[in-house]
Amino acid sequence: MMRGERQVREDALPERLASATAATHIGRKRPSMAEQRSKRGRSGFAQGAVPELLGHPVDSASLLLYGVVEVSASMGTTISGVGLDDEPLQTIVEGPLAAIVSRHMDADGDPAPDRLREYERTVCRLMERDAILPARFGSVLADEGAVRGLLRRRHRDLLERVQRVAGAVELALRATWRVGAGMLPASGTSYLRERLELRQSAREVASELDPLTALARSSRRTLGSAPDLPVLDAYLVERDRVREFVAMVAQLDDRLDDVELTCTGPWPPYSFADGAPV
């Protein structure tokens, strides 16, 4: 089953970002920076895909990180647009790298779906402009000095990772059992036996999807723990091969009788932000 890109991004976003969401997050919708300057905020920290996060005073503004990009002639040293809470985006350049951030007084709270969507839309806009190594939602650094320190300490590692995802996007592929397939007994010995058989069936389904790896720069696979979700894949696909990849997914979907394939994206390469191949 292939779904429209715009619909995919809106419908699949909260679940898609769940694995890329940090433990502590920028809070729910609040007044802008100008309206908050007289207020003290509690500072929250989150372990992101890119940054090491540093402490900062509870009454200071912190920097929400969207991702790291390689400085290029086309990018320049400034960026326009707004991010979460309509705060202006800023670039902090250190050597060959730049961090895309926005300032926030309060970094405490849980992620709501609308805020995940707002953050994701910002990262997607940045992805359309340049290759970006995306940060997890809620990744916060203390100040500009902390950002520059991060880029200096890890410049070689981060530069290699940005270059690894340059020119590519992430496509997610979910295989689910069709109606009547993959049903388990409620309990007992039959349940355990059928679960083992489903696990083996999931491996067989996964092997049927292997031709897709020829169209991808890298891939990651998870054999689903839920009985109705045998396979969940992520593929790093070059932009000019996305249509070819989607066409092959459609061919495989027609060929496989017991599972339905759902391809979503393009996404920022969250699954490949650490740069480790399958």
Protein backbone atom coordinates (compact mmCIF):
# COMPACT_ATOMS: atom_id res chain seq x y z
CA MET A 1 0.00 0.00 0.00
CA MET A 2 1.53 3.30 -1.08
CA ARG A 3 0.33 6.51 0.52
CA GLY A 4 0.66 10.14 -0.61
CA GLU A 5 3.71 11.93 0.73
CA ARG A 6 1.80 14.83 2.32
CA GLN A 7 -0.66 12.50 4.04
CA VAL A 8 2.16 10.25 5.20
CA ARG A 9 3.99 13.05 6.91
CA GLU A 10 0.93 14.21 8.84
CA ASP A 11 -0.48 10.79 9.73
CA ALA A 12 2.72 8.90 10.48
CA LEU A 13 4.64 11.65 12.23
CA PRO A 14 4.02 11.00 15.95
CA GLU A 15 4.89 7.31 15.64
CA ARG A 16 7.77 8.01 13.25
CA LEU A 17 9.36 10.42 15.69
CA ALA A 18 8.75 8.30 18.78
CA SER A 19 12.08 6.50 18.47
CA ALA A 20 13.86 9.77 17.73
CA THR A 21 12.41 11.67 20.68
CA ALA A 22 14.61 12.40 23.65
CA ALA A 23 13.67 11.82 27.28
CA THR A 24 13.18 15.50 28.17
CA HIS A 25 11.79 18.01 25.72
CA ILE A 26 11.03 21.57 24.88
CA GLY A 27 7.65 22.24 26.48
CA ARG A 28 4.21 22.80 24.98
CA LYS A 29 3.20 25.99 23.18
CA ARG A 30 4.19 29.05 25.17
CA PRO A 31 4.71 32.80 24.61
CA SER A 32 7.60 33.91 22.45
CA MET A 33 11.01 34.81 23.81
CA ALA A 34 10.11 38.49 24.05
CA GLU A 35 7.11 37.67 26.25
CA GLN A 36 9.13 35.38 28.51
CA ARG A 37 12.17 37.49 29.30
CA SER A 38 10.87 38.40 32.76
CA LYS A 39 10.06 34.79 33.64
CA ARG A 40 12.35 32.13 35.05
CA GLY A 41 12.20 28.77 33.32
CA ARG A 42 13.23 25.33 34.50
CA SER A 43 15.90 23.81 32.29
CA GLY A 44 15.49 20.32 30.89
CA PHE A 45 18.09 18.27 29.09
CA ALA A 46 17.81 15.50 26.56
CA GLN A 47 20.29 13.05 25.06
CA GLY A 48 20.09 13.61 21.32
CA ALA A 49 21.37 11.78 18.27
CA VAL A 50 24.05 14.43 17.74
CA PRO A 51 24.86 16.54 20.83
CA GLU A 52 26.40 15.97 24.20
CA LEU A 53 24.15 18.18 26.33
CA LEU A 54 25.51 20.61 28.86
CA GLY A 55 24.05 22.18 32.00
CA HIS A 56 23.05 25.85 32.18
CA PRO A 57 21.48 28.25 34.74
CA VAL A 58 17.75 27.80 35.26
CA ASP A 59 16.96 31.38 34.28
CA SER A 60 18.94 31.46 31.01
CA ALA A 61 17.84 30.81 27.47
CA SER A 62 18.90 27.50 25.96
CA LEU A 63 19.44 26.48 22.37
CA LEU A 64 17.24 23.84 20.77
CA LEU A 65 19.25 21.94 18.17
CA TYR A 66 17.62 20.85 14.90
CA GLY A 67 20.71 19.37 13.30
CA VAL A 68 24.23 19.82 11.98
CA VAL A 69 25.09 20.70 8.39
CA GLU A 70 28.26 21.16 6.39
CA VAL A 71 29.05 24.76 5.55
CA SER A 72 28.94 25.35 1.80
CA ALA A 73 29.05 28.28 -0.58
CA SER A 74 25.36 27.76 -1.38
CA MET A 75 24.35 27.74 2.28
CA GLY A 76 26.32 30.75 3.44
CA THR A 77 26.52 31.52 7.14
CA THR A 78 22.93 32.61 7.80
CA ILE A 79 19.56 30.94 7.48
CA SER A 80 16.03 32.35 7.35
CA GLY A 81 12.81 30.98 8.76
CA VAL A 82 11.42 30.04 12.13
CA GLY A 83 11.38 26.88 14.21
CA LEU A 84 9.46 25.72 17.25
CA ASP A 85 7.21 28.40 18.83
CA ASP A 86 7.97 30.63 15.82
CA GLU A 87 11.41 31.40 17.21
CA PRO A 88 13.92 32.50 14.54
CA LEU A 89 16.36 29.90 13.29
CA GLN A 90 20.05 30.66 13.76
CA THR A 91 23.24 29.14 12.41
CA ILE A 92 26.28 28.74 14.64
CA VAL A 93 29.31 28.11 12.45
CA GLU A 94 32.50 26.48 13.64
CA GLY A 95 34.99 25.50 10.96
CA PRO A 96 33.38 23.34 8.25
CA LEU A 97 30.22 22.69 10.30
CA ALA A 98 27.16 24.68 11.31
CA ALA A 99 24.51 23.92 13.92
CA ILE A 100 20.93 25.02 13.26
CA VAL A 101 19.28 26.19 16.50
CA SER A 102 16.57 28.38 18.00
CA ARG A 103 16.51 30.04 21.43
CA HIS A 104 14.00 29.06 24.13
CA MET A 105 13.59 30.25 27.70
CA ASP A 106 11.99 27.07 29.01
CA ALA A 107 13.08 23.55 28.08
CA ASP A 108 10.72 21.56 30.26
CA GLY A 109 7.67 19.49 29.31
CA ASP A 110 6.44 16.50 27.35
CA PRO A 111 6.19 16.38 23.57
CA ALA A 112 2.70 16.80 22.18
CA PRO A 113 1.95 15.50 18.66
CA ASP A 114 1.44 19.02 17.28
CA ARG A 115 4.88 20.04 18.59
CA LEU A 116 6.47 16.96 17.10
CA ARG A 117 4.91 17.92 13.78
CA GLU A 118 6.13 21.49 14.08
CA TYR A 119 9.67 20.32 14.84
CA GLU A 120 9.59 17.75 12.05
CA ARG A 121 8.36 20.28 9.51
CA THR A 122 11.28 22.52 10.42
CA VAL A 123 13.81 19.70 9.99
CA CYS A 124 12.20 18.70 6.67
CA ARG A 125 12.51 22.27 5.38
CA LEU A 126 16.17 22.28 6.39
CA MET A 127 16.63 18.91 4.69
CA GLU A 128 15.34 20.37 1.42
CA ARG A 129 18.02 23.04 1.58
CA ASP A 130 21.11 21.04 2.58
CA ALA A 131 22.17 17.64 3.83
CA ILE A 132 21.46 17.62 7.55
CA LEU A 133 22.41 15.28 10.37
CA PRO A 134 19.18 15.62 12.38
CA ALA A 135 19.05 15.92 16.15
CA ARG A 136 16.40 14.25 18.24
CA PHE A 137 13.45 16.34 19.33
CA GLY A 138 14.32 18.12 22.56
CA SER A 139 18.11 18.19 22.15
CA VAL A 140 19.23 21.25 24.10
CA LEU A 141 22.59 22.92 24.63
CA ALA A 142 23.36 25.64 27.12
CA ASP A 143 24.56 28.46 24.89
CA GLU A 144 26.53 29.35 21.78
CA GLY A 145 29.81 28.44 23.47
CA ALA A 146 28.53 24.94 24.20
CA VAL A 147 27.48 24.52 20.57
CA ARG A 148 30.86 25.69 19.28
CA GLY A 149 32.62 23.40 21.73
CA LEU A 150 30.61 20.45 20.47
CA LEU A 151 31.42 21.23 16.84
CA ARG A 152 35.11 21.63 17.64
CA ARG A 153 35.43 18.45 19.71
CA ARG A 154 33.60 16.26 17.24
CA HIS A 155 34.24 18.02 13.96
CA ARG A 156 35.80 15.03 12.19
CA ASP A 157 33.14 12.59 13.37
CA LEU A 158 30.21 14.91 12.64
CA LEU A 159 31.59 15.94 9.26
CA GLU A 160 31.91 12.30 8.20
CA ARG A 161 28.34 11.62 9.32
CA VAL A 162 26.91 14.61 7.48
CA GLN A 163 28.75 13.60 4.31
CA ARG A 164 27.49 10.04 4.70
CA VAL A 165 23.84 11.16 4.44
CA ALA A 166 24.42 13.95 1.89
CA GLY A 167 22.14 13.70 -1.12
CA ALA A 168 19.96 11.01 0.47
CA VAL A 169 16.72 10.75 2.42
CA GLU A 170 15.24 8.12 4.69
CA LEU A 171 12.36 5.94 3.53
CA ALA A 172 10.57 3.77 6.07
CA LEU A 173 8.98 0.46 5.09
CA ARG A 174 6.48 -1.39 7.25
CA ALA A 175 5.25 -4.90 6.52
CA THR A 176 2.00 -5.92 8.24
CA TRP A 177 0.09 -9.16 7.96
CA ARG A 178 -2.97 -9.02 5.76
CA VAL A 179 -6.36 -9.85 7.26
CA GLY A 180 -6.41 -13.49 8.33
CA ALA A 181 -2.63 -13.91 8.27
CA GLY A 182 -0.45 -13.82 11.36
CA MET A 183 -3.30 -14.45 13.84
CA LEU A 184 -2.26 -15.95 17.18
CA PRO A 185 -4.21 -18.13 19.64
CA ALA A 186 -5.08 -16.35 22.89
CA SER A 187 -2.72 -18.32 25.14
CA GLY A 188 -1.12 -21.64 25.95
CA THR A 189 1.23 -23.95 24.09
CA SER A 190 -0.40 -23.19 20.78
CA TYR A 191 0.32 -19.50 21.31
CA LEU A 192 4.03 -20.11 21.91
CA ARG A 193 4.31 -22.45 18.94
CA GLU A 194 2.50 -20.04 16.64
CA ARG A 195 4.64 -17.15 17.85
CA LEU A 196 7.80 -19.03 16.94
CA GLU A 197 6.33 -19.83 13.55
CA LEU A 198 5.43 -16.19 13.00
CA ARG A 199 8.99 -15.20 13.86
CA GLN A 200 10.24 -17.58 11.20
CA SER A 201 7.66 -16.20 8.76
CA ALA A 202 8.89 -12.68 9.53
CA ARG A 203 12.42 -13.73 8.56
CA GLU A 204 11.07 -15.12 5.30
CA VAL A 205 9.21 -11.87 4.59
CA ALA A 206 12.38 -9.91 5.35
CA SER A 207 14.33 -11.97 2.85
CA GLU A 208 11.74 -11.11 0.18
CA LEU A 209 12.50 -7.44 0.77
CA ASP A 210 16.25 -7.83 0.30
CA PRO A 211 16.21 -6.61 -3.35
CA LEU A 212 15.45 -3.13 -2.02
CA THR A 213 18.94 -2.90 -0.52
CA ALA A 214 20.36 -2.64 -4.04
CA LEU A 215 18.58 0.72 -4.40
CA ALA A 216 19.69 2.04 -1.00
CA ARG A 217 22.94 3.49 0.23
CA SER A 218 22.35 1.86 3.62
CA SER A 219 19.53 0.11 5.47
CA ARG A 220 18.39 -0.99 8.89
CA ARG A 221 16.00 -3.78 9.75
CA THR A 222 13.92 -4.66 12.77
CA LEU A 223 11.95 -7.89 13.00
CA GLY A 224 8.83 -6.66 14.74
CA SER A 225 8.10 -7.86 18.26
CA ALA A 226 4.35 -7.33 17.74
CA PRO A 227 2.58 -10.29 16.10
CA ASP A 228 0.97 -8.05 13.46
CA LEU A 229 4.22 -6.28 12.49
CA PRO A 230 6.72 -8.77 11.08
CA VAL A 231 9.22 -6.30 9.56
CA LEU A 232 10.10 -2.63 10.00
CA ASP A 233 12.88 -1.32 7.73
CA ALA A 234 14.61 2.01 7.18
CA TYR A 235 16.49 2.78 3.98
CA LEU A 236 18.89 5.59 3.14
CA VAL A 237 18.05 6.32 -0.49
CA GLU A 238 19.60 8.83 -2.86
CA ARG A 239 17.08 11.48 -3.84
CA ASP A 240 17.19 10.62 -7.54
CA ARG A 241 16.38 6.96 -6.79
CA VAL A 242 13.31 7.52 -4.60
CA ARG A 243 10.82 6.92 -7.42
CA GLU A 244 12.64 3.77 -8.48
CA PHE A 245 12.62 2.55 -4.87
CA VAL A 246 8.89 3.24 -4.45
CA ALA A 247 8.14 1.43 -7.72
CA MET A 248 9.98 -1.66 -6.50
CA VAL A 249 8.06 -1.56 -3.20
CA ALA A 250 4.83 -1.57 -5.21
CA GLN A 251 6.03 -4.59 -7.20
CA LEU A 252 6.90 -6.47 -4.02
CA ASP A 253 3.56 -5.54 -2.47
CA ASP A 254 1.75 -7.08 -5.44
CA ARG A 255 3.86 -10.22 -5.22
CA LEU A 256 3.58 -10.91 -1.49
CA ASP A 257 0.27 -12.50 -0.56
CA ASP A 258 0.39 -12.49 3.24
CA VAL A 259 1.74 -9.03 4.00
CA GLU A 260 0.91 -5.46 3.08
CA LEU A 261 3.76 -3.02 2.54
CA THR A 262 3.54 0.63 3.55
CA CYS A 263 6.32 2.97 2.45
CA THR A 264 6.55 6.41 4.12
CA GLY A 265 8.78 9.41 3.60
CA PRO A 266 10.94 11.02 2.58
CA TRP A 267 12.20 11.68 6.09
CA PRO A 268 15.32 13.27 7.50
CA PRO A 269 17.81 10.41 8.05
CA TYR A 270 17.13 9.87 11.76
CA SER A 271 17.84 6.15 11.59
CA PHE A 272 21.27 6.88 10.14
CA ALA A 273 22.21 9.86 12.28
CA ASP A 274 24.83 7.85 14.15
CA GLY A 275 26.37 6.83 10.82
CA ALA A 276 26.43 3.09 11.56
CA PRO A 277 25.41 0.88 8.62
CA VAL A 278 23.34 -2.27 9.03
